[in-house]
Amino acid sequence: MSIAAINSRNQFKGSIVAIHRAPVVSEIEVETPAGIVSAVVTTSSVERLPLRLGDEVLAVFKATEVLVAKLG
């Protein structure tokens, strides 16, 4: 299965470098050109997809709020 199109512009292609499993939810770490992106997903989704270390994935996110902080 592949994604033909998606309406989200907020996405990073990368590979899974860590999976921290727990009974209900798991944390997936994806290494992207922009850095590590972490996602918390249900453990049943990890098993259903099935996600494994080294898998190439697309991290897609939608933000309803973005904060900006001045540095310096």
PDB file of N, CA and C in Angstrom:
ATOM      1  N   MET A   1       0.848  -1.178   0.000  1.00  0.00           N
ATOM      2  CA  MET A   1       0.000   0.000   0.000  1.00  0.00           C
ATOM      3  C   MET A   1       0.887   1.233   0.000  1.00  0.00           C
ATOM      4  N   SER A   2       0.503   2.230  -0.748  1.00  0.00           N
ATOM      5  CA  SER A   2       1.235   3.489  -0.755  1.00  0.00           C
ATOM      6  C   SER A   2       0.249   4.643  -0.738  1.00  0.00           C
ATOM      7  N   ILE A   3       0.730   5.789  -0.326  1.00  0.00           N
ATOM      8  CA  ILE A   3      -0.103   6.990  -0.284  1.00  0.00           C
ATOM      9  C   ILE A   3       0.039   7.693  -1.624  1.00  0.00           C
ATOM     10  N   ALA A   4      -1.074   7.865  -2.330  1.00  0.00           N
ATOM     11  CA  ALA A   4      -1.053   8.549  -3.620  1.00  0.00           C
ATOM     12  C   ALA A   4      -1.049  10.058  -3.443  1.00  0.00           C
ATOM     13  N   ALA A   5      -1.760  10.552  -2.438  1.00  0.00           N
ATOM     14  CA  ALA A   5      -1.836  11.982  -2.183  1.00  0.00           C
ATOM     15  C   ALA A   5      -2.319  12.195  -0.757  1.00  0.00           C
ATOM     16  N   ILE A   6      -1.928  13.333  -0.190  1.00  0.00           N
ATOM     17  CA  ILE A   6      -2.374  13.687   1.155  1.00  0.00           C
ATOM     18  C   ILE A   6      -2.461  15.210   1.226  1.00  0.00           C
ATOM     19  N   ASN A   7      -3.407  15.717   2.003  1.00  0.00           N
ATOM     20  CA  ASN A   7      -3.617  17.166   2.029  1.00  0.00           C
ATOM     21  C   ASN A   7      -2.748  17.888   3.042  1.00  0.00           C
ATOM     22  N   SER A   8      -1.943  17.173   3.817  1.00  0.00           N
ATOM     23  CA  SER A   8      -1.103  17.803   4.824  1.00  0.00           C
ATOM     24  C   SER A   8       0.268  18.157   4.251  1.00  0.00           C
ATOM     25  N   ARG A   9       0.675  19.403   4.466  1.00  0.00           N
ATOM     26  CA  ARG A   9       2.008  19.826   4.034  1.00  0.00           C
ATOM     27  C   ARG A   9       3.043  19.589   5.113  1.00  0.00           C
ATOM     28  N   ASN A  10       2.583  19.333   6.334  1.00  0.00           N
ATOM     29  CA  ASN A  10       3.485  19.121   7.460  1.00  0.00           C
ATOM     30  C   ASN A  10       3.855  17.642   7.519  1.00  0.00           C
ATOM     31  N   GLN A  11       4.932  17.287   6.825  1.00  0.00           N
ATOM     32  CA  GLN A  11       5.325  15.894   6.780  1.00  0.00           C
ATOM     33  C   GLN A  11       6.828  15.777   6.573  1.00  0.00           C
ATOM     34  N   PHE A  12       7.376  14.726   7.158  1.00  0.00           N
ATOM     35  CA  PHE A  12       8.801  14.438   7.034  1.00  0.00           C
ATOM     36  C   PHE A  12       8.963  12.962   6.705  1.00  0.00           C
ATOM     37  N   LYS A  13       9.754  12.666   5.699  1.00  0.00           N
ATOM     38  CA  LYS A  13      10.081  11.288   5.366  1.00  0.00           C
ATOM     39  C   LYS A  13      11.275  10.878   6.202  1.00  0.00           C
ATOM     40  N   GLY A  14      11.252   9.672   6.734  1.00  0.00           N
ATOM     41  CA  GLY A  14      12.369   9.210   7.549  1.00  0.00           C
ATOM     42  C   GLY A  14      12.281   7.732   7.816  1.00  0.00           C
ATOM     43  N   SER A  15      13.106   7.277   8.741  1.00  0.00           N
ATOM     44  CA  SER A  15      13.084   5.859   9.099  1.00  0.00           C
ATOM     45  C   SER A  15      12.977   5.717  10.613  1.00  0.00           C
ATOM     46  N   ILE A  16      12.348   4.640  11.032  1.00  0.00           N
ATOM     47  CA  ILE A  16      12.125   4.392  12.456  1.00  0.00           C
ATOM     48  C   ILE A  16      13.450   3.991  13.097  1.00  0.00           C
ATOM     49  N   VAL A  17      13.847   4.728  14.142  1.00  0.00           N
ATOM     50  CA  VAL A  17      15.090   4.430  14.846  1.00  0.00           C
ATOM     51  C   VAL A  17      14.843   3.881  16.250  1.00  0.00           C
ATOM     52  N   ALA A  18      13.624   4.026  16.757  1.00  0.00           N
ATOM     53  CA  ALA A  18      13.301   3.483  18.079  1.00  0.00           C
ATOM     54  C   ALA A  18      11.800   3.284  18.211  1.00  0.00           C
ATOM     55  N   ILE A  19      11.441   2.228  18.911  1.00  0.00           N
ATOM     56  CA  ILE A  19      10.042   1.970  19.270  1.00  0.00           C
ATOM     57  C   ILE A  19      10.025   1.641  20.750  1.00  0.00           C
ATOM     58  N   HIS A  20       9.348   2.474  21.526  1.00  0.00           N
ATOM     59  CA  HIS A  20       9.225   2.269  22.966  1.00  0.00           C
ATOM     60  C   HIS A  20       7.808   1.768  23.229  1.00  0.00           C
ATOM     61  N   ARG A  21       7.684   0.462  23.388  1.00  0.00           N
ATOM     62  CA  ARG A  21       6.360  -0.161  23.557  1.00  0.00           C
ATOM     63  C   ARG A  21       5.876  -0.099  24.997  1.00  0.00           C
ATOM     64  N   ALA A  22       4.575   0.076  25.132  1.00  0.00           N
ATOM     65  CA  ALA A  22       3.888  -0.008  26.415  1.00  0.00           C
ATOM     66  C   ALA A  22       2.570  -0.735  26.154  1.00  0.00           C
ATOM     67  N   PRO A  23       1.867  -1.132  27.186  1.00  0.00           N
ATOM     68  CA  PRO A  23       0.646  -1.911  26.969  1.00  0.00           C
ATOM     69  C   PRO A  23      -0.413  -1.214  26.109  1.00  0.00           C
ATOM     70  N   VAL A  24      -0.597   0.084  26.289  1.00  0.00           N
ATOM     71  CA  VAL A  24      -1.673   0.778  25.577  1.00  0.00           C
ATOM     72  C   VAL A  24      -1.154   1.675  24.466  1.00  0.00           C
ATOM     73  N   VAL A  25      -0.148   2.496  24.771  1.00  0.00           N
ATOM     74  CA  VAL A  25       0.420   3.393  23.766  1.00  0.00           C
ATOM     75  C   VAL A  25       1.917   3.156  23.651  1.00  0.00           C
ATOM     76  N   SER A  26       2.462   3.477  22.482  1.00  0.00           N
ATOM     77  CA  SER A  26       3.896   3.330  22.230  1.00  0.00           C
ATOM     78  C   SER A  26       4.425   4.622  21.632  1.00  0.00           C
ATOM     79  N   GLU A  27       5.731   4.874  21.826  1.00  0.00           N
ATOM     80  CA  GLU A  27       6.376   6.038  21.229  1.00  0.00           C
ATOM     81  C   GLU A  27       7.251   5.565  20.080  1.00  0.00           C
ATOM     82  N   ILE A  28       7.087   6.198  18.932  1.00  0.00           N
ATOM     83  CA  ILE A  28       7.867   5.887  17.741  1.00  0.00           C
ATOM     84  C   ILE A  28       8.794   7.067  17.485  1.00  0.00           C
ATOM     85  N   GLU A  29      10.093   6.802  17.295  1.00  0.00           N
ATOM     86  CA  GLU A  29      11.051   7.850  16.958  1.00  0.00           C
ATOM     87  C   GLU A  29      11.458   7.673  15.501  1.00  0.00           C
ATOM     88  N   VAL A  30      11.300   8.743  14.729  1.00  0.00           N
ATOM     89  CA  VAL A  30      11.592   8.723  13.302  1.00  0.00           C
ATOM     90  C   VAL A  30      12.738   9.691  13.023  1.00  0.00           C
ATOM     91  N   GLU A  31      13.811   9.184  12.426  1.00  0.00           N
ATOM     92  CA  GLU A  31      14.934  10.049  12.053  1.00  0.00           C
ATOM     93  C   GLU A  31      14.644  10.646  10.690  1.00  0.00           C
ATOM     94  N   THR A  32      14.632  11.984  10.630  1.00  0.00           N
ATOM     95  CA  THR A  32      14.342  12.710   9.399  1.00  0.00           C
ATOM     96  C   THR A  32      15.501  13.662   9.112  1.00  0.00           C
ATOM     97  N   PRO A  33      15.562  14.247   7.918  1.00  0.00           N
ATOM     98  CA  PRO A  33      16.594  15.246   7.642  1.00  0.00           C
ATOM     99  C   PRO A  33      16.526  16.441   8.606  1.00  0.00           C
ATOM    100  N   ALA A  34      15.352  16.699   9.174  1.00  0.00           N
ATOM    101  CA  ALA A  34      15.180  17.817  10.106  1.00  0.00           C
ATOM    102  C   ALA A  34      15.510  17.432  11.545  1.00  0.00           C
ATOM    103  N   GLY A  35      15.741  16.161  11.809  1.00  0.00           N
ATOM    104  CA  GLY A  35      16.008  15.678  13.158  1.00  0.00           C
ATOM    105  C   GLY A  35      15.042  14.570  13.525  1.00  0.00           C
ATOM    106  N   ILE A  36      15.041  14.220  14.798  1.00  0.00           N
ATOM    107  CA  ILE A  36      14.169  13.148  15.282  1.00  0.00           C
ATOM    108  C   ILE A  36      12.771  13.696  15.533  1.00  0.00           C
ATOM    109  N   VAL A  37      11.770  13.008  15.005  1.00  0.00           N
ATOM    110  CA  VAL A  37      10.369  13.323  15.251  1.00  0.00           C
ATOM    111  C   VAL A  37       9.790  12.157  16.044  1.00  0.00           C
ATOM    112  N   SER A  38       9.122  12.448  17.150  1.00  0.00           N
ATOM    113  CA  SER A  38       8.513  11.408  17.978  1.00  0.00           C
ATOM    114  C   SER A  38       7.008  11.452  17.840  1.00  0.00           C
ATOM    115  N   ALA A  39       6.417  10.279  17.852  1.00  0.00           N
ATOM    116  CA  ALA A  39       4.956  10.172  17.778  1.00  0.00           C
ATOM    117  C   ALA A  39       4.480   9.166  18.809  1.00  0.00           C
ATOM    118  N   VAL A  40       3.404   9.490  19.485  1.00  0.00           N
ATOM    119  CA  VAL A  40       2.770   8.554  20.404  1.00  0.00           C
ATOM    120  C   VAL A  40       1.556   7.989  19.701  1.00  0.00           C
ATOM    121  N   VAL A  41       1.535   6.681  19.528  1.00  0.00           N
ATOM    122  CA  VAL A  41       0.442   6.001  18.836  1.00  0.00           C
ATOM    123  C   VAL A  41      -0.001   4.813  19.680  1.00  0.00           C
ATOM    124  N   THR A  42      -1.174   4.292  19.388  1.00  0.00           N
ATOM    125  CA  THR A  42      -1.612   3.114  20.122  1.00  0.00           C
ATOM    126  C   THR A  42      -0.722   1.930  19.771  1.00  0.00           C
ATOM    127  N   THR A  43      -0.509   1.076  20.736  1.00  0.00           N
ATOM    128  CA  THR A  43       0.304  -0.114  20.508  1.00  0.00           C
ATOM    129  C   THR A  43      -0.370  -1.033  19.496  1.00  0.00           C
ATOM    130  N   SER A  44      -1.688  -1.045  19.468  1.00  0.00           N
ATOM    131  CA  SER A  44      -2.381  -1.857  18.466  1.00  0.00           C
ATOM    132  C   SER A  44      -2.089  -1.350  17.057  1.00  0.00           C
ATOM    133  N   SER A  45      -1.893  -0.045  16.879  1.00  0.00           N
ATOM    134  CA  SER A  45      -1.522   0.493  15.569  1.00  0.00           C
ATOM    135  C   SER A  45      -0.112   0.075  15.176  1.00  0.00           C
ATOM    136  N   VAL A  46       0.798   0.026  16.146  1.00  0.00           N
ATOM    137  CA  VAL A  46       2.167  -0.430  15.876  1.00  0.00           C
ATOM    138  C   VAL A  46       2.129  -1.857  15.348  1.00  0.00           C
ATOM    139  N   GLU A  47       1.297  -2.681  15.946  1.00  0.00           N
ATOM    140  CA  GLU A  47       1.194  -4.082  15.542  1.00  0.00           C
ATOM    141  C   GLU A  47       0.432  -4.246  14.230  1.00  0.00           C
ATOM    142  N   ARG A  48      -0.606  -3.459  14.026  1.00  0.00           N
ATOM    143  CA  ARG A  48      -1.449  -3.582  12.832  1.00  0.00           C
ATOM    144  C   ARG A  48      -0.730  -3.110  11.571  1.00  0.00           C
ATOM    145  N   LEU A  49       0.188  -2.127  11.678  1.00  0.00           N
ATOM    146  CA  LEU A  49       0.798  -1.563  10.465  1.00  0.00           C
ATOM    147  C   LEU A  49       1.751  -2.504   9.722  1.00  0.00           C
ATOM    148  N   PRO A  50       2.533  -3.374  10.161  1.00  0.00           N
ATOM    149  CA  PRO A  50       3.290  -3.456  11.414  1.00  0.00           C
ATOM    150  C   PRO A  50       4.559  -2.614  11.314  1.00  0.00           C
ATOM    151  N   LEU A  51       4.847  -1.857  12.374  1.00  0.00           N
ATOM    152  CA  LEU A  51       6.012  -0.972  12.372  1.00  0.00           C
ATOM    153  C   LEU A  51       7.212  -1.693  12.971  1.00  0.00           C
ATOM    154  N   ARG A  52       8.372  -1.563  12.316  1.00  0.00           N
ATOM    155  CA  ARG A  52       9.605  -2.201  12.762  1.00  0.00           C
ATOM    156  C   ARG A  52      10.769  -1.217  12.654  1.00  0.00           C
ATOM    157  N   LEU A  53      11.812  -1.439  13.416  1.00  0.00           N
ATOM    158  CA  LEU A  53      13.015  -0.615  13.324  1.00  0.00           C
ATOM    159  C   LEU A  53      13.540  -0.633  11.893  1.00  0.00           C
ATOM    160  N   GLY A  54      13.925   0.528  11.397  1.00  0.00           N
ATOM    161  CA  GLY A  54      14.466   0.630  10.045  1.00  0.00           C
ATOM    162  C   GLY A  54      13.426   0.859   8.966  1.00  0.00           C
ATOM    163  N   ASP A  55      12.139   0.700   9.285  1.00  0.00           N
ATOM    164  CA  ASP A  55      11.080   0.931   8.291  1.00  0.00           C
ATOM    165  C   ASP A  55      11.102   2.376   7.813  1.00  0.00           C
ATOM    166  N   GLU A  56      10.919   2.564   6.514  1.00  0.00           N
ATOM    167  CA  GLU A  56      10.779   3.908   5.962  1.00  0.00           C
ATOM    168  C   GLU A  56       9.330   4.339   6.160  1.00  0.00           C
ATOM    169  N   VAL A  57       9.145   5.519   6.747  1.00  0.00           N
ATOM    170  CA  VAL A  57       7.804   6.005   7.070  1.00  0.00           C
ATOM    171  C   VAL A  57       7.685   7.481   6.714  1.00  0.00           C
ATOM    172  N   LEU A  58       6.475   7.949   6.759  1.00  0.00           N
ATOM    173  CA  LEU A  58       6.179   9.357   6.565  1.00  0.00           C
ATOM    174  C   LEU A  58       5.543   9.864   7.851  1.00  0.00           C
ATOM    175  N   ALA A  59       6.208  10.797   8.531  1.00  0.00           N
ATOM    176  CA  ALA A  59       5.666  11.405   9.744  1.00  0.00           C
ATOM    177  C   ALA A  59       4.811  12.593   9.301  1.00  0.00           C
ATOM    178  N   VAL A  60       3.523  12.487   9.506  1.00  0.00           N
ATOM    179  CA  VAL A  60       2.570  13.517   9.090  1.00  0.00           C
ATOM    180  C   VAL A  60       1.942  14.100  10.347  1.00  0.00           C
ATOM    181  N   PHE A  61       1.897  15.421  10.427  1.00  0.00           N
ATOM    182  CA  PHE A  61       1.291  16.023  11.612  1.00  0.00           C
ATOM    183  C   PHE A  61       0.487  17.248  11.234  1.00  0.00           C
ATOM    184  N   LYS A  62      -0.466  17.553  12.106  1.00  0.00           N
ATOM    185  CA  LYS A  62      -1.307  18.722  11.906  1.00  0.00           C
ATOM    186  C   LYS A  62      -1.321  19.495  13.213  1.00  0.00           C
ATOM    187  N   ALA A  63      -0.895  20.726  13.147  1.00  0.00           N
ATOM    188  CA  ALA A  63      -0.831  21.556  14.348  1.00  0.00           C
ATOM    189  C   ALA A  63      -1.946  22.590  14.318  1.00  0.00           C
ATOM    190  N   THR A  64      -2.660  22.702  15.419  1.00  0.00           N
ATOM    191  CA  THR A  64      -3.691  23.734  15.506  1.00  0.00           C
ATOM    192  C   THR A  64      -3.130  25.005  16.105  1.00  0.00           C
ATOM    193  N   GLU A  65      -1.932  24.906  16.675  1.00  0.00           N
ATOM    194  CA  GLU A  65      -1.317  26.068  17.302  1.00  0.00           C
ATOM    195  C   GLU A  65       0.195  25.953  17.182  1.00  0.00           C
ATOM    196  N   VAL A  66       0.840  27.025  16.811  1.00  0.00           N
ATOM    197  CA  VAL A  66       2.295  27.075  16.751  1.00  0.00           C
ATOM    198  C   VAL A  66       2.762  28.274  17.554  1.00  0.00           C
ATOM    199  N   LEU A  67       3.701  28.049  18.455  1.00  0.00           N
ATOM    200  CA  LEU A  67       4.235  29.108  19.300  1.00  0.00           C
ATOM    201  C   LEU A  67       5.597  29.526  18.759  1.00  0.00           C
ATOM    202  N   VAL A  68       5.906  30.802  18.866  1.00  0.00           N
ATOM    203  CA  VAL A  68       7.199  31.333  18.428  1.00  0.00           C
ATOM    204  C   VAL A  68       7.849  31.994  19.638  1.00  0.00           C
ATOM    205  N   ALA A  69       9.114  31.650  19.897  1.00  0.00           N
ATOM    206  CA  ALA A  69       9.859  32.243  20.995  1.00  0.00           C
ATOM    207  C   ALA A  69      11.101  32.916  20.444  1.00  0.00           C
ATOM    208  N   LYS A  70      11.364  34.125  20.894  1.00  0.00           N
ATOM    209  CA  LYS A  70      12.550  34.847  20.449  1.00  0.00           C
ATOM    210  C   LYS A  70      13.765  34.319  21.192  1.00  0.00           C
ATOM    211  N   LEU A  71      14.823  34.031  20.475  1.00  0.00           N
ATOM    212  CA  LEU A  71      16.061  33.532  21.080  1.00  0.00           C
ATOM    213  C   LEU A  71      17.029  34.678  21.278  1.00  0.00           C
ATOM    214  N   GLY A  72      17.894  34.541  22.270  1.00  0.00           N
ATOM    215  CA  GLY A  72      18.944  35.525  22.449  1.00  0.00           C
ATOM    216  C   GLY A  72      18.711  36.386  23.563  1.00  0.00           C
TER     217      GLY A  72
END
